C-alpha atoms as a PDB file:
ATOM      1  CA  MET A   1     173.088  42.724 153.615  1.00  0.00           C
ATOM      2  CA  LEU A   2     175.242  39.949 151.973  1.00  0.00           C
ATOM      3  CA  ASN A   3     176.648  42.590 149.569  1.00  0.00           C
ATOM      4  CA  GLN A   4     178.556  44.341 152.088  1.00  0.00           C
ATOM      5  CA  LEU A   5     180.664  41.290 152.215  1.00  0.00           C
ATOM      6  CA  PRO A   6     183.326  40.253 149.900  1.00  0.00           C
ATOM      7  CA  THR A   7     181.965  37.605 147.536  1.00  0.00           C
ATOM      8  CA  ASP A   8     185.185  35.610 147.832  1.00  0.00           C
ATOM      9  CA  GLU A   9     184.316  35.217 151.779  1.00  0.00           C
ATOM     10  CA  ASP A  10     182.848  32.081 152.828  1.00  0.00           C
ATOM     11  CA  ILE A  11     179.681  32.311 154.726  1.00  0.00           C
ATOM     12  CA  GLY A  12     178.614  29.354 156.707  1.00  0.00           C
ATOM     13  CA  SER A  13     174.808  30.550 157.554  1.00  0.00           C
ATOM     14  CA  VAL A  14     172.646  33.568 157.502  1.00  0.00           C
ATOM     15  CA  THR A  15     169.893  34.046 160.552  1.00  0.00           C
ATOM     16  CA  GLY A  16     167.211  36.619 160.862  1.00  0.00           C
ATOM     17  CA  ASP A  17     163.902  36.829 161.794  1.00  0.00           C
ATOM     18  CA  GLY A  18     160.507  36.333 159.657  1.00  0.00           C
ATOM     19  CA  ALA A  19     160.831  39.950 158.087  1.00  0.00           C
ATOM     20  CA  TYR A  20     163.835  38.414 155.900  1.00  0.00           C
ATOM     21  CA  ASP A  21     161.341  35.496 155.046  1.00  0.00           C
ATOM     22  CA  ALA A  22     161.287  36.430 151.266  1.00  0.00           C
ATOM     23  CA  ARG A  23     162.055  34.324 148.330  1.00  0.00           C
ATOM     24  CA  LYS A  24     164.868  36.870 147.167  1.00  0.00           C
ATOM     25  CA  GLY A  25     166.603  36.622 150.452  1.00  0.00           C
ATOM     26  CA  HIS A  26     166.677  32.850 150.193  1.00  0.00           C
ATOM     27  CA  ASP A  27     168.064  32.672 146.952  1.00  0.00           C
ATOM     28  CA  ALA A  28     170.619  35.217 147.758  1.00  0.00           C
ATOM     29  CA  ILE A  29     171.757  33.283 150.869  1.00  0.00           C
ATOM     30  CA  ALA A  30     171.696  30.089 148.795  1.00  0.00           C
ATOM     31  CA  ASP A  31     173.422  31.738 145.902  1.00  0.00           C
ATOM     32  CA  ARG A  32     176.410  32.712 148.333  1.00  0.00           C
ATOM     33  CA  GLY A  33     176.509  28.649 149.586  1.00  0.00           C
ATOM     34  CA  ALA A  34     175.165  29.288 152.989  1.00  0.00           C
ATOM     35  CA  GLU A  35     172.156  28.299 154.865  1.00  0.00           C
ATOM     36  CA  ALA A  36     169.276  30.541 155.442  1.00  0.00           C
ATOM     37  CA  ILE A  37     167.941  30.057 158.942  1.00  0.00           C
ATOM     38  CA  ILE A  38     165.107  32.090 159.113  1.00  0.00           C
ATOM     39  CA  PRO A  39     161.635  31.098 160.737  1.00  0.00           C
ATOM     40  CA  PRO A  40     158.905  31.494 158.457  1.00  0.00           C
ATOM     41  CA  ARG A  41     156.301  33.992 158.686  1.00  0.00           C
ATOM     42  CA  LYS A  42     153.156  33.293 160.811  1.00  0.00           C
ATOM     43  CA  ASN A  43     150.948  33.016 157.172  1.00  0.00           C
ATOM     44  CA  ALA A  44     153.719  31.033 155.399  1.00  0.00           C
ATOM     45  CA  LYS A  45     152.855  28.518 152.819  1.00  0.00           C
ATOM     46  CA  PRO A  46     155.360  26.239 151.128  1.00  0.00           C
ATOM     47  CA  TRP A  47     157.009  27.536 148.113  1.00  0.00           C
ATOM     48  CA  LYS A  48     157.439  25.597 144.732  1.00  0.00           C
ATOM     49  CA  PRO A  49     161.042  24.121 144.641  1.00  0.00           C
ATOM     50  CA  THR A  50     162.216  26.205 141.764  1.00  0.00           C
ATOM     51  CA  THR A  51     165.473  27.871 143.065  1.00  0.00           C
ATOM     52  CA  ALA A  52     168.126  26.367 145.909  1.00  0.00           C
ATOM     53  CA  GLY A  53     166.606  28.758 148.539  1.00  0.00           C
ATOM     54  CA  VAL A  54     163.337  26.960 149.071  1.00  0.00           C
ATOM     55  CA  GLY A  55     164.701  23.606 150.445  1.00  0.00           C
ATOM     56  CA  ALA A  56     165.355  24.341 153.921  1.00  0.00           C
ATOM     57  CA  ARG A  57     162.399  26.792 154.254  1.00  0.00           C
ATOM     58  CA  ASN A  58     159.902  24.140 153.182  1.00  0.00           C
ATOM     59  CA  GLU A  59     161.426  21.609 155.484  1.00  0.00           C
ATOM     60  CA  ILE A  60     161.082  24.057 158.293  1.00  0.00           C
ATOM     61  CA  LEU A  61     157.405  24.661 157.276  1.00  0.00           C
ATOM     62  CA  ARG A  62     156.640  20.749 157.367  1.00  0.00           C
ATOM     63  CA  ALA A  63     158.141  20.154 160.484  1.00  0.00           C
ATOM     64  CA  VAL A  64     156.375  22.858 162.472  1.00  0.00           C
ATOM     65  CA  LYS A  65     152.816  21.740 161.009  1.00  0.00           C
ATOM     66  CA  TYR A  66     153.792  18.211 162.049  1.00  0.00           C
ATOM     67  CA  LEU A  67     154.630  19.263 165.438  1.00  0.00           C
ATOM     68  CA  VAL A  68     151.611  21.648 165.783  1.00  0.00           C
ATOM     69  CA  LEU A  69     149.288  18.899 164.907  1.00  0.00           C
ATOM     70  CA  ARG A  70     150.690  16.862 167.761  1.00  0.00           C
ATOM     71  CA  SER A  71     151.063  18.951 170.241  1.00  0.00           C
ATOM     72  CA  GLY A  72     148.144  21.177 169.773  1.00  0.00           C
ATOM     73  CA  ASP A  73     150.220  24.577 170.240  1.00  0.00           C
ATOM     74  CA  ASP A  74     149.646  27.509 168.107  1.00  0.00           C
ATOM     75  CA  GLY A  75     152.794  27.202 166.415  1.00  0.00           C
ATOM     76  CA  ALA A  76     154.614  30.411 167.523  1.00  0.00           C
ATOM     77  CA  ASN A  77     156.608  28.438 170.122  1.00  0.00           C
ATOM     78  CA  ILE A  78     157.223  25.146 167.902  1.00  0.00           C
ATOM     79  CA  THR A  79     158.675  27.518 164.835  1.00  0.00           C
ATOM     80  CA  VAL A  80     161.139  28.969 167.366  1.00  0.00           C
ATOM     81  CA  GLU A  81     161.747  25.595 168.351  1.00  0.00           C
ATOM     82  CA  VAL A  82     162.136  24.156 164.804  1.00  0.00           C
ATOM     83  CA  VAL A  83     164.731  27.193 163.944  1.00  0.00           C
ATOM     84  CA  SER A  84     166.551  26.801 166.865  1.00  0.00           C
ATOM     85  CA  ARG A  85     167.445  23.107 166.196  1.00  0.00           C
ATOM     86  CA  GLN A  86     168.070  23.878 162.846  1.00  0.00           C
ATOM     87  CA  ARG A  87     170.916  26.493 163.960  1.00  0.00           C
ATOM     88  CA  CYS A  88     172.280  23.527 165.849  1.00  0.00           C
ATOM     89  CA  ILE A  89     172.649  21.258 162.904  1.00  0.00           C
ATOM     90  CA  VAL A  90     174.302  23.820 160.589  1.00  0.00           C
END
């Protein structure tokens, strides 16, 4: 998807659904200097911070885990809320 845009064009953020929650996608977005606003998959685990695209994703996972523990919710609604708030910040 990013290959369709010229490399000299600035990109602020890229959004997508959980299907785009893959290391290659996060890395490609980070390589273009953009923020990835993609909800983690339901069974997502934190990634080792070996590449630039991992930071925001792991932060979302930490926030979701914290909020799920506090609310007793199953996590689906909270994941959507956390990602929506991240969009507002970017």
